[in-house]
PDB file of N, CA and C in Angstrom:
ATOM      1  N   UNK A   1       0.937  -1.433   0.121  1.00  0.00           N
ATOM      2  CA  UNK A   1      -0.091  -0.095  -0.151  1.00  0.00           C
ATOM      3  C   UNK A   1       0.791   1.417   0.343  1.00  0.00           C
ATOM      4  N   UNK A   2       0.711   2.039  -0.778  1.00  0.00           N
ATOM      5  CA  UNK A   2       1.301   3.523  -0.782  1.00  0.00           C
ATOM      6  C   UNK A   2       1.059   4.125   0.547  1.00  0.00           C
ATOM      7  N   UNK A   3       1.980   5.051   0.808  1.00  0.00           N
ATOM      8  CA  UNK A   3       1.789   5.963   1.599  1.00  0.00           C
ATOM      9  C   UNK A   3       1.361   7.157   1.368  1.00  0.00           C
ATOM     10  N   UNK A   4       0.506   8.056   2.171  1.00  0.00           N
ATOM     11  CA  UNK A   4       0.479   9.435   1.610  1.00  0.00           C
ATOM     12  C   UNK A   4       0.577  10.307   2.577  1.00  0.00           C
ATOM     13  N   UNK A   5       1.189  12.013   2.309  1.00  0.00           N
ATOM     14  CA  UNK A   5       1.355  12.728   3.603  1.00  0.00           C
ATOM     15  C   UNK A   5      -0.124  13.179   4.135  1.00  0.00           C
ATOM     16  N   UNK A   6       0.304  14.614   5.116  1.00  0.00           N
ATOM     17  CA  UNK A   6      -0.773  14.626   6.068  1.00  0.00           C
ATOM     18  C   UNK A   6      -1.355  15.870   5.049  1.00  0.00           C
ATOM     19  N   UNK A   7      -0.516  16.199   3.693  1.00  0.00           N
ATOM     20  CA  UNK A   7      -1.268  17.037   2.746  1.00  0.00           C
ATOM     21  C   UNK A   7      -2.406  16.464   2.062  1.00  0.00           C
ATOM     22  N   UNK A   8      -1.922  15.002   1.536  1.00  0.00           N
ATOM     23  CA  UNK A   8      -2.879  14.752   0.946  1.00  0.00           C
ATOM     24  C   UNK A   8      -4.120  14.373   1.803  1.00  0.00           C
ATOM     25  N   UNK A   9      -3.953  13.863   2.922  1.00  0.00           N
ATOM     26  CA  UNK A   9      -5.248  13.465   3.425  1.00  0.00           C
ATOM     27  C   UNK A   9      -6.138  14.681   3.910  1.00  0.00           C
ATOM     28  N   UNK A  10      -5.435  16.111   4.240  1.00  0.00           N
ATOM     29  CA  UNK A  10      -6.134  17.250   4.480  1.00  0.00           C
ATOM     30  C   UNK A  10      -7.038  17.389   3.272  1.00  0.00           C
ATOM     31  N   UNK A  11      -6.445  17.176   2.268  1.00  0.00           N
ATOM     32  CA  UNK A  11      -7.299  17.349   1.019  1.00  0.00           C
ATOM     33  C   UNK A  11      -8.720  16.930   0.554  1.00  0.00           C
ATOM     34  N   UNK A  12      -8.946  15.683   1.399  1.00  0.00           N
ATOM     35  CA  UNK A  12     -10.379  15.070   1.646  1.00  0.00           C
ATOM     36  C   UNK A  12     -10.938  15.658   2.475  1.00  0.00           C
ATOM     37  N   UNK A  13     -12.271  16.297   2.060  1.00  0.00           N
ATOM     38  CA  UNK A  13     -12.800  16.922   3.357  1.00  0.00           C
ATOM     39  C   UNK A  13     -14.177  16.278   3.663  1.00  0.00           C
ATOM     40  N   UNK A  14     -13.981  15.379   4.856  1.00  0.00           N
ATOM     41  CA  UNK A  14     -14.477  14.626   5.613  1.00  0.00           C
ATOM     42  C   UNK A  14     -15.302  15.301   6.917  1.00  0.00           C
ATOM     43  N   UNK A  15     -17.393  15.185   6.322  1.00  0.00           N
ATOM     44  CA  UNK A  15     -17.697  15.672   7.474  1.00  0.00           C
ATOM     45  C   UNK A  15     -18.739  15.226   8.197  1.00  0.00           C
ATOM     46  N   UNK A  16     -19.483  15.464   9.028  1.00  0.00           N
ATOM     47  CA  UNK A  16     -20.355  14.763   9.443  1.00  0.00           C
ATOM     48  C   UNK A  16     -22.094  15.892   9.471  1.00  0.00           C
ATOM     49  N   UNK A  17     -22.502  14.385   9.328  1.00  0.00           N
ATOM     50  CA  UNK A  17     -23.956  15.025   8.308  1.00  0.00           C
ATOM     51  C   UNK A  17     -24.879  14.526   9.426  1.00  0.00           C
ATOM     52  N   UNK A  18     -26.053  14.649   9.308  1.00  0.00           N
ATOM     53  CA  UNK A  18     -27.620  14.084   9.833  1.00  0.00           C
ATOM     54  C   UNK A  18     -28.070  13.685   8.840  1.00  0.00           C
ATOM     55  N   UNK A  19     -28.652  12.965   8.520  1.00  0.00           N
ATOM     56  CA  UNK A  19     -29.497  12.080   7.309  1.00  0.00           C
ATOM     57  C   UNK A  19     -30.775  12.447   7.598  1.00  0.00           C
ATOM     58  N   UNK A  20     -31.661  13.807   6.885  1.00  0.00           N
ATOM     59  CA  UNK A  20     -32.928  14.674   7.099  1.00  0.00           C
ATOM     60  C   UNK A  20     -33.726  13.124   6.183  1.00  0.00           C
ATOM     61  N   UNK A  21     -33.600  12.855   5.380  1.00  0.00           N
ATOM     62  CA  UNK A  21     -34.088  11.900   4.396  1.00  0.00           C
ATOM     63  C   UNK A  21     -33.833  11.199   3.255  1.00  0.00           C
ATOM     64  N   UNK A  22     -34.459   9.583   3.520  1.00  0.00           N
ATOM     65  CA  UNK A  22     -34.126   8.448   2.734  1.00  0.00           C
ATOM     66  C   UNK A  22     -35.329   7.838   1.756  1.00  0.00           C
ATOM     67  N   UNK A  23     -34.920   7.648   0.925  1.00  0.00           N
ATOM     68  CA  UNK A  23     -36.293   6.827   0.229  1.00  0.00           C
ATOM     69  C   UNK A  23     -35.484   6.492  -0.753  1.00  0.00           C
ATOM     70  N   UNK A  24     -36.257   4.814  -1.630  1.00  0.00           N
ATOM     71  CA  UNK A  24     -35.744   4.267  -2.165  1.00  0.00           C
ATOM     72  C   UNK A  24     -35.716   5.100  -3.889  1.00  0.00           C
ATOM     73  N   UNK A  25     -34.450   4.873  -4.194  1.00  0.00           N
ATOM     74  CA  UNK A  25     -33.874   5.059  -5.535  1.00  0.00           C
ATOM     75  C   UNK A  25     -34.521   4.325  -6.743  1.00  0.00           C
ATOM     76  N   UNK A  26     -35.192   4.110  -6.903  1.00  0.00           N
ATOM     77  CA  UNK A  26     -36.461   3.567  -7.731  1.00  0.00           C
ATOM     78  C   UNK A  26     -35.515   3.607  -9.276  1.00  0.00           C
ATOM     79  N   UNK A  27     -34.814   4.122  -9.745  1.00  0.00           N
ATOM     80  CA  UNK A  27     -34.073   3.890 -11.065  1.00  0.00           C
ATOM     81  C   UNK A  27     -32.825   3.700 -10.982  1.00  0.00           C
ATOM     82  N   UNK A  28     -32.484   3.228  -9.927  1.00  0.00           N
ATOM     83  CA  UNK A  28     -31.106   2.411  -9.577  1.00  0.00           C
ATOM     84  C   UNK A  28     -30.548   1.536 -10.398  1.00  0.00           C
ATOM     85  N   UNK A  29     -29.359   1.503 -10.936  1.00  0.00           N
ATOM     86  CA  UNK A  29     -29.142   0.160 -11.647  1.00  0.00           C
ATOM     87  C   UNK A  29     -29.183  -0.597 -11.069  1.00  0.00           C
ATOM     88  N   UNK A  30     -28.318  -0.659  -9.120  1.00  0.00           N
ATOM     89  CA  UNK A  30     -28.231  -1.505  -8.147  1.00  0.00           C
ATOM     90  C   UNK A  30     -29.339  -0.745  -6.895  1.00  0.00           C
ATOM     91  N   UNK A  31     -29.521  -1.400  -6.550  1.00  0.00           N
ATOM     92  CA  UNK A  31     -30.542  -1.102  -5.166  1.00  0.00           C
ATOM     93  C   UNK A  31     -29.311  -0.129  -4.265  1.00  0.00           C
ATOM     94  N   UNK A  32     -30.318   1.200  -3.972  1.00  0.00           N
ATOM     95  CA  UNK A  32     -29.943   1.922  -3.288  1.00  0.00           C
ATOM     96  C   UNK A  32     -30.542   3.030  -2.818  1.00  0.00           C
ATOM     97  N   UNK A  33     -30.542   4.095  -1.899  1.00  0.00           N
ATOM     98  CA  UNK A  33     -31.379   4.878  -1.557  1.00  0.00           C
ATOM     99  C   UNK A  33     -30.369   6.463  -2.031  1.00  0.00           C
ATOM    100  N   UNK A  34     -31.881   7.204  -1.964  1.00  0.00           N
ATOM    101  CA  UNK A  34     -31.308   8.594  -2.225  1.00  0.00           C
ATOM    102  C   UNK A  34     -31.407   9.444  -0.466  1.00  0.00           C
ATOM    103  N   UNK A  35     -30.021   9.313  -0.173  1.00  0.00           N
ATOM    104  CA  UNK A  35     -30.202  10.500   1.062  1.00  0.00           C
ATOM    105  C   UNK A  35     -30.235  11.443   1.040  1.00  0.00           C
ATOM    106  N   UNK A  36     -30.419  12.838   2.047  1.00  0.00           N
ATOM    107  CA  UNK A  36     -30.596  13.808   2.162  1.00  0.00           C
ATOM    108  C   UNK A  36     -29.929  14.422   3.512  1.00  0.00           C
ATOM    109  N   UNK A  37     -28.370  14.781   3.491  1.00  0.00           N
ATOM    110  CA  UNK A  37     -28.005  15.072   4.764  1.00  0.00           C
ATOM    111  C   UNK A  37     -27.587  16.367   4.912  1.00  0.00           C
ATOM    112  N   UNK A  38     -28.097  16.805   5.920  1.00  0.00           N
ATOM    113  CA  UNK A  38     -27.894  18.014   6.805  1.00  0.00           C
ATOM    114  C   UNK A  38     -26.312  18.047   7.512  1.00  0.00           C
ATOM    115  N   UNK A  39     -25.673  18.588   6.371  1.00  0.00           N
ATOM    116  CA  UNK A  39     -23.905  18.715   6.926  1.00  0.00           C
ATOM    117  C   UNK A  39     -23.479  20.491   7.717  1.00  0.00           C
ATOM    118  N   UNK A  40     -24.757  20.698   8.133  1.00  0.00           N
ATOM    119  CA  UNK A  40     -24.423  22.095   9.022  1.00  0.00           C
ATOM    120  C   UNK A  40     -24.991  23.191   8.145  1.00  0.00           C
ATOM    121  N   UNK A  41     -25.164  24.489   8.580  1.00  0.00           N
ATOM    122  CA  UNK A  41     -25.785  25.818   8.221  1.00  0.00           C
ATOM    123  C   UNK A  41     -24.247  26.230   7.468  1.00  0.00           C
ATOM    124  N   UNK A  42     -23.553  25.922   7.394  1.00  0.00           N
ATOM    125  CA  UNK A  42     -22.361  26.362   6.634  1.00  0.00           C
ATOM    126  C   UNK A  42     -21.670  26.077   5.092  1.00  0.00           C
ATOM    127  N   UNK A  43     -22.509  24.125   5.233  1.00  0.00           N
ATOM    128  CA  UNK A  43     -22.662  23.589   4.333  1.00  0.00           C
ATOM    129  C   UNK A  43     -24.029  23.118   3.451  1.00  0.00           C
ATOM    130  N   UNK A  44     -24.900  22.963   4.188  1.00  0.00           N
ATOM    131  CA  UNK A  44     -26.221  22.829   3.973  1.00  0.00           C
ATOM    132  C   UNK A  44     -26.381  21.561   3.843  1.00  0.00           C
ATOM    133  N   UNK A  45     -27.352  21.574   3.190  1.00  0.00           N
ATOM    134  CA  UNK A  45     -27.944  19.851   2.900  1.00  0.00           C
ATOM    135  C   UNK A  45     -27.593  19.103   1.376  1.00  0.00           C
ATOM    136  N   UNK A  46     -26.896  18.037   1.483  1.00  0.00           N
ATOM    137  CA  UNK A  46     -26.530  17.446   0.225  1.00  0.00           C
ATOM    138  C   UNK A  46     -27.313  16.196   0.081  1.00  0.00           C
ATOM    139  N   UNK A  47     -26.983  16.169  -1.784  1.00  0.00           N
ATOM    140  CA  UNK A  47     -27.748  14.943  -1.685  1.00  0.00           C
ATOM    141  C   UNK A  47     -27.190  13.930  -2.223  1.00  0.00           C
ATOM    142  N   UNK A  48     -27.170  12.718  -2.243  1.00  0.00           N
ATOM    143  CA  UNK A  48     -26.368  11.230  -2.299  1.00  0.00           C
ATOM    144  C   UNK A  48     -26.877   9.875  -2.600  1.00  0.00           C
ATOM    145  N   UNK A  49     -26.725   9.077  -3.125  1.00  0.00           N
ATOM    146  CA  UNK A  49     -26.609   7.824  -3.886  1.00  0.00           C
ATOM    147  C   UNK A  49     -26.611   6.929  -2.780  1.00  0.00           C
ATOM    148  N   UNK A  50     -26.948   6.030  -1.986  1.00  0.00           N
ATOM    149  CA  UNK A  50     -25.694   5.186  -1.523  1.00  0.00           C
ATOM    150  C   UNK A  50     -26.704   3.588  -1.210  1.00  0.00           C
ATOM    151  N   UNK A  51     -25.641   2.635  -1.868  1.00  0.00           N
ATOM    152  CA  UNK A  51     -25.787   2.185  -1.250  1.00  0.00           C
ATOM    153  C   UNK A  51     -25.398   0.848  -0.530  1.00  0.00           C
ATOM    154  N   UNK A  52     -26.850   0.937   0.386  1.00  0.00           N
ATOM    155  CA  UNK A  52     -26.952   0.606   1.628  1.00  0.00           C
ATOM    156  C   UNK A  52     -27.988  -0.434   1.774  1.00  0.00           C
ATOM    157  N   UNK A  53     -28.788  -0.698   0.523  1.00  0.00           N
ATOM    158  CA  UNK A  53     -30.040  -1.641   1.337  1.00  0.00           C
ATOM    159  C   UNK A  53     -30.171  -2.638   2.039  1.00  0.00           C
ATOM    160  N   UNK A  54     -28.789  -3.426   2.194  1.00  0.00           N
ATOM    161  CA  UNK A  54     -28.544  -4.698   2.845  1.00  0.00           C
ATOM    162  C   UNK A  54     -28.966  -4.503   4.209  1.00  0.00           C
ATOM    163  N   UNK A  55     -28.568  -3.601   4.882  1.00  0.00           N
ATOM    164  CA  UNK A  55     -28.377  -3.756   6.398  1.00  0.00           C
ATOM    165  C   UNK A  55     -29.450  -2.559   6.503  1.00  0.00           C
ATOM    166  N   UNK A  56     -30.028  -1.789   5.804  1.00  0.00           N
ATOM    167  CA  UNK A  56     -30.480  -0.496   6.688  1.00  0.00           C
ATOM    168  C   UNK A  56     -32.041  -0.266   5.754  1.00  0.00           C
ATOM    169  N   UNK A  57     -32.994   0.527   6.334  1.00  0.00           N
ATOM    170  CA  UNK A  57     -34.324   0.753   5.548  1.00  0.00           C
ATOM    171  C   UNK A  57     -34.239   2.195   6.012  1.00  0.00           C
ATOM    172  N   UNK A  58     -34.838   2.735   4.913  1.00  0.00           N
ATOM    173  CA  UNK A  58     -34.962   4.114   4.628  1.00  0.00           C
ATOM    174  C   UNK A  58     -35.497   5.059   6.058  1.00  0.00           C
ATOM    175  N   UNK A  59     -36.601   4.380   6.726  1.00  0.00           N
ATOM    176  CA  UNK A  59     -37.214   4.983   7.973  1.00  0.00           C
ATOM    177  C   UNK A  59     -36.001   5.050   9.149  1.00  0.00           C
ATOM    178  N   UNK A  60     -35.457   3.793   9.502  1.00  0.00           N
ATOM    179  CA  UNK A  60     -34.220   3.935  10.062  1.00  0.00           C
ATOM    180  C   UNK A  60     -32.938   4.770  10.244  1.00  0.00           C
ATOM    181  N   UNK A  61     -32.929   5.166   8.801  1.00  0.00           N
ATOM    182  CA  UNK A  61     -31.648   6.080   8.715  1.00  0.00           C
ATOM    183  C   UNK A  61     -31.712   7.323   9.096  1.00  0.00           C
ATOM    184  N   UNK A  62     -33.301   8.040   8.835  1.00  0.00           N
ATOM    185  CA  UNK A  62     -33.075   9.436   9.415  1.00  0.00           C
ATOM    186  C   UNK A  62     -32.976   9.480  10.847  1.00  0.00           C
ATOM    187  N   UNK A  63     -32.260  10.548  10.745  1.00  0.00           N
ATOM    188  CA  UNK A  63     -31.771  10.934  12.351  1.00  0.00           C
ATOM    189  C   UNK A  63     -30.309  10.286  12.641  1.00  0.00           C
ATOM    190  N   UNK A  64     -29.783   9.551  11.907  1.00  0.00           N
ATOM    191  CA  UNK A  64     -28.394   8.841  12.102  1.00  0.00           C
ATOM    192  C   UNK A  64     -27.376  10.187  11.571  1.00  0.00           C
ATOM    193  N   UNK A  65     -26.294   9.896  12.248  1.00  0.00           N
ATOM    194  CA  UNK A  65     -24.943  10.800  11.442  1.00  0.00           C
ATOM    195  C   UNK A  65     -24.483   9.729  11.160  1.00  0.00           C
ATOM    196  N   UNK A  66     -23.708  10.613   9.739  1.00  0.00           N
ATOM    197  CA  UNK A  66     -22.539   9.734   9.021  1.00  0.00           C
ATOM    198  C   UNK A  66     -21.537  10.782   8.615  1.00  0.00           C
ATOM    199  N   UNK A  67     -19.915   9.875   7.765  1.00  0.00           N
ATOM    200  CA  UNK A  67     -19.438  10.631   7.891  1.00  0.00           C
ATOM    201  C   UNK A  67     -19.532  10.612   6.260  1.00  0.00           C
ATOM    202  N   UNK A  68     -19.599  12.178   5.545  1.00  0.00           N
ATOM    203  CA  UNK A  68     -19.674  12.341   4.137  1.00  0.00           C
ATOM    204  C   UNK A  68     -18.004  13.268   3.296  1.00  0.00           C
ATOM    205  N   UNK A  69     -18.020  12.385   2.294  1.00  0.00           N
ATOM    206  CA  UNK A  69     -16.600  13.262   1.543  1.00  0.00           C
ATOM    207  C   UNK A  69     -17.372  14.624   0.854  1.00  0.00           C
ATOM    208  N   UNK A  70     -17.212  15.666   1.383  1.00  0.00           N
ATOM    209  CA  UNK A  70     -18.112  16.884   0.606  1.00  0.00           C
ATOM    210  C   UNK A  70     -17.215  17.438  -0.480  1.00  0.00           C
ATOM    211  N   UNK A  71     -16.097  17.210  -0.598  1.00  0.00           N
ATOM    212  CA  UNK A  71     -15.520  18.213  -1.634  1.00  0.00           C
ATOM    213  C   UNK A  71     -15.197  17.108  -2.982  1.00  0.00           C
ATOM    214  N   UNK A  72     -15.922  16.285  -3.460  1.00  0.00           N
ATOM    215  CA  UNK A  72     -15.680  15.579  -4.789  1.00  0.00           C
ATOM    216  C   UNK A  72     -16.888  16.503  -5.562  1.00  0.00           C
ATOM    217  N   UNK A  73     -16.121  16.384  -7.020  1.00  0.00           N
ATOM    218  CA  UNK A  73     -17.311  16.710  -7.933  1.00  0.00           C
ATOM    219  C   UNK A  73     -18.354  16.139  -7.965  1.00  0.00           C
ATOM    220  N   UNK A  74     -19.388  16.845  -8.114  1.00  0.00           N
ATOM    221  CA  UNK A  74     -21.006  16.535  -8.155  1.00  0.00           C
ATOM    222  C   UNK A  74     -20.988  15.492  -9.588  1.00  0.00           C
ATOM    223  N   UNK A  75     -21.370  14.142  -8.873  1.00  0.00           N
ATOM    224  CA  UNK A  75     -21.948  13.015 -10.228  1.00  0.00           C
ATOM    225  C   UNK A  75     -23.311  12.751 -10.443  1.00  0.00           C
ATOM    226  N   UNK A  76     -23.737  12.911 -11.682  1.00  0.00           N
ATOM    227  CA  UNK A  76     -25.099  12.606 -12.655  1.00  0.00           C
ATOM    228  C   UNK A  76     -24.791  10.779 -12.219  1.00  0.00           C
ATOM    229  N   UNK A  77     -26.347  10.719 -11.410  1.00  0.00           N
ATOM    230  CA  UNK A  77     -26.314   8.866 -11.271  1.00  0.00           C
ATOM    231  C   UNK A  77     -27.627   9.135 -11.264  1.00  0.00           C
ATOM    232  N   UNK A  78     -27.724   8.422 -12.885  1.00  0.00           N
ATOM    233  CA  UNK A  78     -29.134   8.171 -13.503  1.00  0.00           C
ATOM    234  C   UNK A  78     -29.760   9.481 -13.508  1.00  0.00           C
ATOM    235  N   UNK A  79     -31.158   9.614 -12.390  1.00  0.00           N
ATOM    236  CA  UNK A  79     -31.694  11.096 -12.994  1.00  0.00           C
ATOM    237  C   UNK A  79     -31.523  12.377 -11.716  1.00  0.00           C
ATOM    238  N   UNK A  80     -30.589  11.611 -10.769  1.00  0.00           N
ATOM    239  CA  UNK A  80     -30.005  12.619  -9.566  1.00  0.00           C
ATOM    240  C   UNK A  80     -28.593  13.360  -9.874  1.00  0.00           C
ATOM    241  N   UNK A  81     -28.377  14.463  -9.079  1.00  0.00           N
ATOM    242  CA  UNK A  81     -26.941  14.474  -8.892  1.00  0.00           C
ATOM    243  C   UNK A  81     -26.506  14.190  -7.518  1.00  0.00           C
ATOM    244  N   UNK A  82     -25.543  13.412  -7.518  1.00  0.00           N
ATOM    245  CA  UNK A  82     -24.954  13.164  -5.961  1.00  0.00           C
ATOM    246  C   UNK A  82     -24.519  14.003  -5.813  1.00  0.00           C
ATOM    247  N   UNK A  83     -24.188  15.068  -4.773  1.00  0.00           N
ATOM    248  CA  UNK A  83     -23.328  15.831  -4.130  1.00  0.00           C
ATOM    249  C   UNK A  83     -22.196  15.559  -2.855  1.00  0.00           C
ATOM    250  N   UNK A  84     -22.280  14.526  -2.534  1.00  0.00           N
ATOM    251  CA  UNK A  84     -21.821  14.156  -1.609  1.00  0.00           C
ATOM    252  C   UNK A  84     -21.207  12.585  -1.530  1.00  0.00           C
ATOM    253  N   UNK A  85     -20.297  11.798  -0.899  1.00  0.00           N
ATOM    254  CA  UNK A  85     -20.004  10.397  -1.010  1.00  0.00           C
ATOM    255  C   UNK A  85     -20.761  10.339   0.483  1.00  0.00           C
ATOM    256  N   UNK A  86     -21.572   9.131   1.049  1.00  0.00           N
ATOM    257  CA  UNK A  86     -21.411   8.764   2.614  1.00  0.00           C
ATOM    258  C   UNK A  86     -20.331   7.393   2.444  1.00  0.00           C
ATOM    259  N   UNK A  87     -19.705   7.679   3.290  1.00  0.00           N
ATOM    260  CA  UNK A  87     -18.776   6.457   3.855  1.00  0.00           C
ATOM    261  C   UNK A  87     -19.110   5.754   4.491  1.00  0.00           C
ATOM    262  N   UNK A  88     -18.676   4.083   4.045  1.00  0.00           N
ATOM    263  CA  UNK A  88     -18.896   2.615   4.897  1.00  0.00           C
ATOM    264  C   UNK A  88     -17.906   1.876   4.658  1.00  0.00           C
ATOM    265  N   UNK A  89     -17.989   0.856   4.853  1.00  0.00           N
ATOM    266  CA  UNK A  89     -17.058  -0.246   5.208  1.00  0.00           C
ATOM    267  C   UNK A  89     -17.979  -1.106   4.182  1.00  0.00           C
ATOM    268  N   UNK A  90     -17.605  -1.601   2.929  1.00  0.00           N
ATOM    269  CA  UNK A  90     -17.943  -2.879   2.786  1.00  0.00           C
ATOM    270  C   UNK A  90     -17.705  -4.195   2.920  1.00  0.00           C
ATOM    271  N   UNK A  91     -18.788  -5.775   2.963  1.00  0.00           N
ATOM    272  CA  UNK A  91     -17.879  -6.516   3.805  1.00  0.00           C
ATOM    273  C   UNK A  91     -18.089  -7.051   2.698  1.00  0.00           C
ATOM    274  N   UNK A  92     -17.797  -8.676   2.949  1.00  0.00           N
ATOM    275  CA  UNK A  92     -17.429  -9.482   2.330  1.00  0.00           C
ATOM    276  C   UNK A  92     -18.422  -9.970   1.368  1.00  0.00           C
ATOM    277  N   UNK A  93     -19.737 -10.145   2.010  1.00  0.00           N
ATOM    278  CA  UNK A  93     -21.209 -10.626   1.206  1.00  0.00           C
ATOM    279  C   UNK A  93     -21.626  -9.231   0.029  1.00  0.00           C
ATOM    280  N   UNK A  94     -20.739  -8.442   0.060  1.00  0.00           N
ATOM    281  CA  UNK A  94     -21.343  -6.872  -0.424  1.00  0.00           C
ATOM    282  C   UNK A  94     -21.916  -6.029   0.350  1.00  0.00           C
ATOM    283  N   UNK A  95     -22.366  -6.320   1.759  1.00  0.00           N
ATOM    284  CA  UNK A  95     -23.436  -5.270   2.215  1.00  0.00           C
ATOM    285  C   UNK A  95     -21.936  -4.405   3.050  1.00  0.00           C
ATOM    286  N   UNK A  96     -22.772  -2.909   3.375  1.00  0.00           N
ATOM    287  CA  UNK A  96     -22.125  -1.678   3.755  1.00  0.00           C
ATOM    288  C   UNK A  96     -22.332  -1.319   4.735  1.00  0.00           C
ATOM    289  N   UNK A  97     -21.579  -1.367   5.752  1.00  0.00           N
ATOM    290  CA  UNK A  97     -21.756  -0.497   6.965  1.00  0.00           C
ATOM    291  C   UNK A  97     -21.580   0.822   7.104  1.00  0.00           C
ATOM    292  N   UNK A  98     -22.208   1.765   7.211  1.00  0.00           N
ATOM    293  CA  UNK A  98     -22.035   3.174   7.542  1.00  0.00           C
ATOM    294  C   UNK A  98     -20.810   3.256   8.358  1.00  0.00           C
ATOM    295  N   UNK A  99     -20.284   4.416   8.127  1.00  0.00           N
ATOM    296  CA  UNK A  99     -19.028   5.011   8.845  1.00  0.00           C
ATOM    297  C   UNK A  99     -19.866   6.303   9.722  1.00  0.00           C
ATOM    298  N   UNK A 100     -19.889   6.408  11.014  1.00  0.00           N
ATOM    299  CA  UNK A 100     -20.269   7.022  12.097  1.00  0.00           C
ATOM    300  C   UNK A 100     -19.925   7.650  13.523  1.00  0.00           C
ATOM    301  N   UNK A 101     -20.015   8.796  14.036  1.00  0.00           N
ATOM    302  CA  UNK A 101     -19.554   9.124  14.972  1.00  0.00           C
ATOM    303  C   UNK A 101     -19.966   8.121  16.377  1.00  0.00           C
ATOM    304  N   UNK A 102     -19.713   7.762  16.953  1.00  0.00           N
ATOM    305  CA  UNK A 102     -20.009   6.755  17.957  1.00  0.00           C
ATOM    306  C   UNK A 102     -21.066   7.574  19.443  1.00  0.00           C
ATOM    307  N   UNK A 103     -21.071   9.156  18.830  1.00  0.00           N
ATOM    308  CA  UNK A 103     -21.410   9.839  19.953  1.00  0.00           C
ATOM    309  C   UNK A 103     -22.276  11.097  18.858  1.00  0.00           C
ATOM    310  N   UNK A 104     -23.177  11.567  19.701  1.00  0.00           N
ATOM    311  CA  UNK A 104     -23.537  12.972  18.104  1.00  0.00           C
ATOM    312  C   UNK A 104     -22.565  14.138  18.515  1.00  0.00           C
ATOM    313  N   UNK A 105     -22.827  14.796  17.560  1.00  0.00           N
ATOM    314  CA  UNK A 105     -21.370  15.645  17.091  1.00  0.00           C
ATOM    315  C   UNK A 105     -22.301  17.050  16.128  1.00  0.00           C
ATOM    316  N   UNK A 106     -21.762  18.078  15.981  1.00  0.00           N
ATOM    317  CA  UNK A 106     -22.450  18.667  15.666  1.00  0.00           C
ATOM    318  C   UNK A 106     -22.267  18.632  13.948  1.00  0.00           C
ATOM    319  N   UNK A 107     -23.263  18.849  13.300  1.00  0.00           N
ATOM    320  CA  UNK A 107     -23.210  18.926  11.777  1.00  0.00           C
ATOM    321  C   UNK A 107     -22.295  19.504  11.251  1.00  0.00           C
ATOM    322  N   UNK A 108     -21.599  18.772  10.342  1.00  0.00           N
ATOM    323  CA  UNK A 108     -20.396  19.815   9.549  1.00  0.00           C
ATOM    324  C   UNK A 108     -18.952  19.881   9.842  1.00  0.00           C
ATOM    325  N   UNK A 109     -19.043  19.305  11.750  1.00  0.00           N
ATOM    326  CA  UNK A 109     -17.419  19.230  12.185  1.00  0.00           C
ATOM    327  C   UNK A 109     -16.671  18.126  11.130  1.00  0.00           C
ATOM    328  N   UNK A 110     -15.602  18.788  10.635  1.00  0.00           N
ATOM    329  CA  UNK A 110     -14.788  18.361   9.561  1.00  0.00           C
ATOM    330  C   UNK A 110     -13.373  17.035  10.359  1.00  0.00           C
ATOM    331  N   UNK A 111     -13.695  16.101   9.956  1.00  0.00           N
ATOM    332  CA  UNK A 111     -13.023  14.623  10.510  1.00  0.00           C
ATOM    333  C   UNK A 111     -11.373  14.872  10.649  1.00  0.00           C
ATOM    334  N   UNK A 112     -10.321  14.952  11.765  1.00  0.00           N
ATOM    335  CA  UNK A 112      -9.309  15.192  11.952  1.00  0.00           C
ATOM    336  C   UNK A 112      -8.116  14.009  12.139  1.00  0.00           C
TER     337      UNK A 112
END
């Protein structure tokens, strides 16, 4: 595995946000949800397509905090524009476990 510098890591803007809505992404090629994540007043609400349907249901996602990359360029995924990348850990069976803080923190805080 290649090593990176602190400057390389610092370029990735990882922030905590709270999922305020989640719905089935019916047009997705692989099962996914459309998430709206509140990253606080300075960043606002961002939309993301997340392939996390194996372990999560939309109703259970609302109110959960997640860690997202907010400085990737927007990406067109079918009929939506994904504005952030919600992070998680893919398991051997293909399911994804969300990366989440252990305790509630303020939306918009940067991972350091």
